[in-house]
Amino acid sequence: MQILLTITDFLVYFVLGLLIYLLIAYAILSWLIAFNVVNTYNPAVRGISTTLGRLLEPLLRPIRRILPEMGGIDLSPMVLWLLIILIQRLYPVVVRSLAVPAG
């Protein structure tokens, strides 16, 4: 049972950490596109942008619906980043409390 918990801990932390890195790359790429540093006519940039968008937009869209309009500033990546950090911090507590054998 302990090995299974260790493996799931690793997988959860790995996926959440990967999400954070993808989120940072998505935010930086969106800034570079907005300031015309990179051109979306480049097939590599377009491929990376659409791939990151398809991975992260389903996570960001519900947050954008909840957040009020900020006049062109999108805070949903920061909110998602904070939620991921919160899940990383609370995950061990919740899983360990559920995995304790009764009695």
Foldseek 3Di string as FASTA:
>chain_A
DVVVVVVVLVVLVVVLVVVLVLLVVQVVLVVCPVVVVDDCVPVVSVVSNVVSCVVCVVVQVVVVVVDDDDPPDRCSSVVVNVVSVVCNVCVVVVVVVVPDDDD
